[in-house]
Amino acid sequence: MRALLCKEFGPVPGLQVAEVPDPVAGDGQVLVRVEAAGLNYPDGLMVQGKYQVRPPLPFVPGMELAGVVEAVGKGVDAFAPGDPVMATTGTGAFAERCAIPVEQVLPRPASLPADVAAAALLTHGTTLHALEDRARLRPGETLLVLGAAGGVGTAAVGIGKILGARVIAAASSPERLELCRRLGADLTVDYAAEDLRERVKALTQGRGVDVVYDPVGGALSEAALRSTGWGGRFLVVGFASGEIPRIPLNLALLNARSILGVYWGDWSRREPRKSADAISRIAAWICEKRLSPVVTARLGLAEVPAALEDLLSRRAHGKLVVLPGQP
């Protein structure tokens, strides 16, 4: 089968499309024919050896997929060949087939297209966990989303609205903010042209926001934390800017703010049933047209290295999806 192979940790362009042996379904595994796989910022970090997980070399990157079951291993009775499924994999998704432990596989509703499902697992799973489990976001509260036109950012705008929040979307251009408005953002901030803290202060009549969703890091983080009001919650989701900010801890003391880490991958392993229930809710929202994952490009395997570079440099917006069966 064809797969995108990482033979050594290093620059993303070093990834190569190669012919590799077909995987088989071992005990407790499901063999999936991959119809679509989502690209994520951590994929780019992993192939460079900069992610917290360093798989043994060589490996096939790709953390999430959707497809159809081809075979099941011994001890698997929850799935059968022909079943539409979706799965988080950690690695292995950028290939025509992938063998996955059954506990990481979920049924995919027949009405949920594979490309949309593959775009919704990590970004939307992370976001629902962040807003609901970590921040305890309540209806009527104000949510500030940084990097709101990116993969997790667009997820935060959509899920924030479903949870009843007033959403302020912050992004770096009028075009990106227009996308956020189409997704339901109530208010916007162009932080390339406006002072983030002053704009948020004006939009909230000086009260500040209740929750900040920050997948960006860097210079914006402190300004966003200072933009929270009494009892504000600041969600640390990631560092797409490439810079881990140094936050003065007195800012947590002031206004009784909370700084909350979000590590959905480890949480989902520790709480598999809760995670599965959350993904099922997300899938239902998509099928009900209440939530619309933003797929901005569908790519072949050979196009993935360039696309990952776009993700790492923050040139991409929305979600990029690879179709391994595409030339």
Protein backbone atom coordinates (compact mmCIF):
# COMPACT_ATOMS: atom_id res chain seq x y z
CA MET A 1 0.00 0.00 0.00
CA ARG A 2 0.99 3.66 -0.33
CA ALA A 3 1.83 5.60 2.80
CA LEU A 4 3.62 8.77 3.82
CA LEU A 5 6.77 7.67 5.62
CA CYS A 6 8.96 9.48 8.15
CA LYS A 7 12.36 7.76 8.10
CA GLU A 8 14.14 10.19 10.40
CA PHE A 9 13.20 13.17 12.55
CA GLY A 10 13.82 16.39 10.70
CA PRO A 11 12.30 18.94 8.33
CA VAL A 12 8.80 18.19 7.08
CA PRO A 13 9.86 18.09 3.37
CA GLY A 14 11.82 14.93 4.22
CA LEU A 15 8.59 12.93 4.32
CA GLN A 16 8.24 10.53 1.38
CA VAL A 17 5.39 8.62 -0.22
CA ALA A 18 6.47 4.98 -0.26
CA GLU A 19 5.15 1.48 -0.86
CA VAL A 20 4.97 -0.36 2.47
CA PRO A 21 3.52 -3.75 3.45
CA ASP A 22 -0.20 -3.82 4.13
CA PRO A 23 -0.97 -3.91 7.86
CA VAL A 24 -3.00 -6.79 9.28
CA ALA A 25 -5.54 -6.76 12.07
CA GLY A 26 -3.86 -8.22 15.13
CA ASP A 27 -5.61 -9.36 18.27
CA GLY A 28 -7.97 -6.64 19.46
CA GLN A 29 -7.43 -4.53 16.34
CA VAL A 30 -9.54 -3.22 13.48
CA LEU A 31 -8.09 -2.89 9.96
CA VAL A 32 -9.51 0.23 8.30
CA ARG A 33 -9.34 1.29 4.67
CA VAL A 34 -8.61 4.97 5.09
CA GLU A 35 -10.91 7.26 3.12
CA ALA A 36 -9.76 10.49 4.77
CA ALA A 37 -7.29 11.63 7.43
CA GLY A 38 -7.07 14.99 9.15
CA LEU A 39 -3.88 17.06 9.26
CA ASN A 40 -3.00 18.60 12.60
CA TYR A 41 -0.33 20.92 13.94
CA PRO A 42 1.13 18.16 16.17
CA ASP A 43 1.76 16.01 13.06
CA GLY A 44 4.28 18.59 11.90
CA LEU A 45 5.91 18.73 15.32
CA MET A 46 6.10 14.94 15.56
CA VAL A 47 7.98 14.41 12.29
CA GLN A 48 10.50 17.01 13.46
CA GLY A 49 10.99 15.22 16.79
CA LYS A 50 9.55 18.21 18.66
CA TYR A 51 6.35 16.62 19.96
CA GLN A 52 5.96 15.06 23.41
CA VAL A 53 5.56 11.68 21.70
CA ARG A 54 8.48 10.34 19.61
CA PRO A 55 7.42 7.17 17.73
CA PRO A 56 10.04 4.57 16.78
CA LEU A 57 11.45 5.17 13.31
CA PRO A 58 10.38 4.72 10.59
CA PHE A 59 6.72 5.58 11.13
CA VAL A 60 3.66 6.79 9.26
CA PRO A 61 2.31 10.05 10.73
CA GLY A 62 -1.35 10.97 10.99
CA MET A 63 -3.46 11.11 14.15
CA GLU A 64 -7.07 10.82 12.98
CA LEU A 65 -8.96 9.12 10.19
CA ALA A 66 -12.28 7.97 8.85
CA GLY A 67 -12.92 5.01 6.59
CA VAL A 68 -14.42 1.55 6.29
CA VAL A 69 -13.56 -1.63 8.19
CA GLU A 70 -11.78 -4.21 6.03
CA ALA A 71 -11.06 -6.83 8.68
CA VAL A 72 -11.11 -7.38 12.43
CA GLY A 73 -8.69 -9.23 14.66
CA LYS A 74 -9.31 -11.89 17.26
CA GLY A 75 -11.51 -10.75 20.11
CA VAL A 76 -13.20 -7.92 18.17
CA ASP A 77 -16.97 -8.25 17.93
CA ALA A 78 -18.03 -4.57 17.98
CA PHE A 79 -17.22 -4.07 14.28
CA ALA A 80 -17.47 -6.05 11.05
CA PRO A 81 -16.11 -5.60 7.52
CA GLY A 82 -17.99 -2.85 5.70
CA ASP A 83 -18.76 -0.78 8.80
CA PRO A 84 -18.10 2.98 8.43
CA VAL A 85 -15.84 4.12 11.27
CA MET A 86 -13.70 6.98 12.56
CA ALA A 87 -10.70 6.76 14.84
CA THR A 88 -7.90 8.56 16.61
CA THR A 89 -4.67 6.74 15.90
CA GLY A 90 -1.71 8.70 17.26
CA THR A 91 0.19 7.68 14.13
CA GLY A 92 -0.52 5.73 10.96
CA ALA A 93 -3.41 7.67 9.40
CA PHE A 94 -1.53 8.98 6.32
CA ALA A 95 -1.78 5.65 4.54
CA GLU A 96 -4.24 3.65 2.50
CA ARG A 97 -4.86 1.25 5.40
CA CYS A 98 -4.33 1.40 9.15
CA ALA A 99 -4.62 -1.23 11.90
CA ILE A 100 -6.03 0.36 15.06
CA PRO A 101 -6.76 -0.91 18.59
CA VAL A 102 -10.50 -1.42 18.83
CA GLU A 103 -10.85 0.92 21.83
CA GLN A 104 -9.76 3.84 19.60
CA VAL A 105 -12.38 3.13 16.93
CA LEU A 106 -15.89 4.59 16.90
CA PRO A 107 -18.90 3.97 14.65
CA ARG A 108 -19.37 6.67 12.01
CA PRO A 109 -22.95 7.66 11.21
CA ALA A 110 -23.85 6.76 7.64
CA SER A 111 -24.79 10.39 6.97
CA LEU A 112 -21.40 11.71 8.11
CA PRO A 113 -18.96 11.94 5.15
CA ALA A 114 -15.47 10.56 5.77
CA ASP A 115 -13.70 13.84 5.03
CA VAL A 116 -15.88 15.77 7.47
CA ALA A 117 -15.50 13.09 10.16
CA ALA A 118 -11.72 13.13 9.77
CA ALA A 119 -11.75 16.90 10.18
CA ALA A 120 -13.67 16.80 13.44
CA LEU A 121 -12.02 14.31 15.78
CA LEU A 122 -8.96 16.01 17.30
CA THR A 123 -9.95 19.63 16.85
CA HIS A 124 -13.54 19.29 17.99
CA GLY A 125 -12.80 16.65 20.63
CA THR A 126 -10.13 18.93 22.13
CA THR A 127 -12.46 21.91 22.03
CA LEU A 128 -15.49 20.28 23.62
CA HIS A 129 -13.28 18.88 26.41
CA ALA A 130 -11.66 22.30 26.91
CA LEU A 131 -14.86 24.32 27.04
CA GLU A 132 -17.09 21.88 28.86
CA ASP A 133 -14.84 19.83 31.17
CA ARG A 134 -12.01 22.27 31.87
CA ALA A 135 -13.55 25.76 31.67
CA ARG A 136 -17.12 24.78 32.64
CA LEU A 137 -18.40 27.28 30.10
CA ARG A 138 -21.95 28.35 30.92
CA PRO A 139 -24.70 29.72 28.65
CA GLY A 140 -24.54 33.50 28.44
CA GLU A 141 -20.82 33.72 29.24
CA THR A 142 -18.38 35.44 26.89
CA LEU A 143 -15.72 33.34 25.15
CA LEU A 144 -12.66 34.85 23.46
CA VAL A 145 -11.11 32.57 20.82
CA LEU A 146 -7.56 33.28 19.64
CA GLY A 147 -6.49 31.96 16.24
CA ALA A 148 -10.19 31.69 15.54
CA ALA A 149 -9.83 30.86 11.83
CA GLY A 150 -7.56 27.85 12.39
CA GLY A 151 -8.57 24.22 12.84
CA VAL A 152 -9.19 24.30 16.60
CA GLY A 153 -10.22 27.95 16.45
CA THR A 154 -13.11 27.33 14.05
CA ALA A 155 -14.12 24.38 16.24
CA ALA A 156 -14.15 26.67 19.29
CA VAL A 157 -16.35 29.24 17.56
CA GLY A 158 -18.89 26.60 16.52
CA ILE A 159 -18.96 24.64 19.78
CA GLY A 160 -18.93 27.82 21.85
CA LYS A 161 -22.14 28.91 20.14
CA ILE A 162 -23.76 25.49 20.67
CA LEU A 163 -22.92 25.74 24.39
CA GLY A 164 -24.66 29.12 24.53
CA ALA A 165 -21.68 31.47 24.74
CA ARG A 166 -21.26 34.96 23.31
CA VAL A 167 -18.22 34.39 21.09
CA ILE A 168 -15.53 36.96 20.31
CA ALA A 169 -13.34 35.64 17.48
CA ALA A 170 -9.80 37.00 17.21
CA ALA A 171 -7.74 36.43 14.05
CA SER A 172 -5.15 38.14 11.89
CA SER A 173 -7.04 39.38 8.82
CA PRO A 174 -10.47 40.61 7.70
CA GLU A 175 -10.85 37.52 5.47
CA ARG A 176 -10.29 35.16 8.38
CA LEU A 177 -12.69 37.09 10.56
CA GLU A 178 -15.34 36.90 7.86
CA LEU A 179 -15.04 33.10 8.04
CA CYS A 180 -15.56 33.31 11.81
CA ARG A 181 -18.67 35.43 11.38
CA ARG A 182 -20.08 32.83 8.97
CA LEU A 183 -19.55 30.23 11.70
CA GLY A 184 -21.58 32.32 14.15
CA ALA A 185 -19.07 34.56 15.94
CA ASP A 186 -20.90 37.47 17.57
CA LEU A 187 -17.96 39.90 17.60
CA THR A 188 -14.46 39.98 16.11
CA VAL A 189 -10.99 41.36 16.76
CA ASP A 190 -8.30 41.78 14.09
CA TYR A 191 -5.23 41.52 16.30
CA ALA A 192 -2.94 42.36 13.40
CA ALA A 193 -4.54 45.81 13.22
CA GLU A 194 -6.05 46.36 16.68
CA ASP A 195 -4.82 46.21 20.26
CA LEU A 196 -6.34 42.97 21.53
CA ARG A 197 -6.79 44.04 25.14
CA GLU A 198 -8.26 47.44 24.34
CA ARG A 199 -10.63 46.02 21.74
CA VAL A 200 -11.88 43.29 24.11
CA LYS A 201 -12.32 45.88 26.85
CA ALA A 202 -14.47 47.97 24.53
CA LEU A 203 -16.51 45.00 23.32
CA THR A 204 -17.27 43.90 26.89
CA GLN A 205 -17.92 47.40 28.30
CA GLY A 206 -14.91 46.94 30.55
CA ARG A 207 -16.12 43.71 32.18
CA GLY A 208 -13.71 41.39 30.39
CA VAL A 209 -14.40 37.90 29.06
CA ASP A 210 -15.23 34.80 31.06
CA VAL A 211 -13.15 32.27 29.10
CA VAL A 212 -10.14 32.53 26.77
CA TYR A 213 -9.41 29.69 24.35
CA ASP A 214 -5.73 29.98 23.35
CA PRO A 215 -4.18 27.59 20.80
CA VAL A 216 -1.69 30.27 19.70
CA GLY A 217 0.56 31.22 22.61
CA GLY A 218 3.25 33.83 22.09
CA ALA A 219 2.73 37.54 22.66
CA LEU A 220 -1.06 37.38 22.55
CA SER A 221 -1.45 35.13 25.58
CA GLU A 222 -0.70 37.65 28.31
CA ALA A 223 -2.91 40.30 26.70
CA ALA A 224 -5.74 37.76 26.46
CA LEU A 225 -5.32 36.67 30.08
CA ARG A 226 -5.42 40.32 31.17
CA SER A 227 -8.68 40.59 29.20
CA THR A 228 -10.52 38.17 31.49
CA GLY A 229 -12.87 39.46 34.15
CA TRP A 230 -13.49 38.24 37.69
CA GLY A 231 -13.20 34.45 37.87
CA GLY A 232 -11.97 34.26 34.27
CA ARG A 233 -10.64 30.96 32.94
CA PHE A 234 -7.71 30.83 30.53
CA LEU A 235 -7.40 27.63 28.48
CA VAL A 236 -3.89 26.64 27.38
CA VAL A 237 -4.56 24.62 24.21
CA GLY A 238 -1.31 24.91 22.23
CA PHE A 239 1.43 27.12 20.86
CA ALA A 240 0.88 27.53 17.13
CA SER A 241 2.94 30.72 17.21
CA GLY A 242 5.97 28.60 18.07
CA GLU A 243 6.53 30.54 21.30
CA ILE A 244 5.61 29.33 24.78
CA PRO A 245 4.71 32.47 26.74
CA ARG A 246 6.01 33.27 30.22
CA ILE A 247 2.97 34.42 32.17
CA PRO A 248 3.43 36.41 35.40
CA LEU A 249 1.58 34.35 38.01
CA ASN A 250 0.29 37.44 39.77
CA LEU A 251 -2.19 37.66 36.88
CA ALA A 252 -3.82 34.47 38.16
CA LEU A 253 -4.17 36.00 41.61
CA LEU A 254 -5.67 39.21 40.27
CA ASN A 255 -9.39 38.83 39.48
CA ALA A 256 -9.23 35.24 40.84
CA ARG A 257 -8.32 33.94 37.39
CA SER A 258 -7.65 30.28 36.58
CA ILE A 259 -5.08 28.99 34.07
CA LEU A 260 -6.18 25.57 32.81
CA GLY A 261 -4.15 23.13 30.73
CA VAL A 262 -5.92 21.16 28.00
CA TYR A 263 -4.41 17.79 26.99
CA TRP A 264 -7.26 16.00 25.26
CA GLY A 265 -5.14 13.09 24.00
CA ASP A 266 -4.15 11.93 27.47
CA TRP A 267 -7.59 12.69 28.90
CA SER A 268 -9.24 10.58 26.19
CA ARG A 269 -6.96 7.65 27.05
CA ARG A 270 -7.77 8.00 30.76
CA GLU A 271 -11.49 8.56 30.16
CA PRO A 272 -12.29 6.52 27.02
CA ARG A 273 -16.03 6.29 27.66
CA LYS A 274 -16.42 10.04 28.25
CA SER A 275 -14.30 10.76 25.20
CA ALA A 276 -16.37 8.42 23.02
CA ASP A 277 -19.58 10.04 24.26
CA ALA A 278 -18.18 13.48 23.42
CA ILE A 279 -17.22 12.46 19.88
CA SER A 280 -20.67 10.93 19.39
CA ARG A 281 -22.26 14.23 20.43
CA ILE A 282 -20.03 16.11 17.98
CA ALA A 283 -20.97 13.72 15.18
CA ALA A 284 -24.65 14.18 15.98
CA TRP A 285 -24.32 17.98 15.92
CA ILE A 286 -22.69 17.77 12.49
CA CYS A 287 -25.40 15.47 11.14
CA GLU A 288 -28.04 17.83 12.55
CA LYS A 289 -26.34 20.77 10.75
CA ARG A 290 -25.72 22.53 14.07
CA LEU A 291 -21.94 22.29 13.61
CA SER A 292 -19.96 22.70 10.39
CA PRO A 293 -16.28 21.65 10.37
CA VAL A 294 -14.40 23.88 7.93
CA VAL A 295 -12.55 21.71 5.40
CA THR A 296 -10.51 24.11 3.25
CA ALA A 297 -8.46 21.59 1.23
CA ARG A 298 -8.54 17.92 0.28
CA LEU A 299 -5.08 16.62 -0.63
CA GLY A 300 -3.23 13.60 -1.95
CA LEU A 301 -0.44 11.98 0.07
CA ALA A 302 2.27 13.73 -1.93
CA GLU A 303 0.79 17.12 -1.01
CA VAL A 304 0.92 16.54 2.74
CA PRO A 305 4.49 17.82 3.43
CA ALA A 306 3.73 21.22 1.89
CA ALA A 307 0.41 21.35 3.73
CA LEU A 308 2.08 20.59 7.05
CA GLU A 309 4.53 23.41 6.42
CA ASP A 310 1.54 25.70 5.86
CA LEU A 311 0.11 24.58 9.19
CA LEU A 312 3.38 25.13 11.03
CA SER A 313 3.78 28.61 9.54
CA ARG A 314 0.10 29.48 10.21
CA ARG A 315 -0.63 30.10 6.54
CA ALA A 316 -3.48 27.58 6.56
CA HIS A 317 -6.96 28.18 7.90
CA GLY A 318 -9.76 25.79 8.70
CA LYS A 319 -8.96 22.09 8.44
CA LEU A 320 -6.84 20.29 5.82
CA VAL A 321 -7.72 16.68 4.95
CA VAL A 322 -5.73 14.05 3.06
CA LEU A 323 -7.46 11.47 0.87
CA PRO A 324 -4.93 8.60 0.68
CA GLY A 325 -6.65 6.96 -2.29
CA GLN A 326 -6.27 10.14 -4.33
CA PRO A 327 -3.25 10.31 -6.70
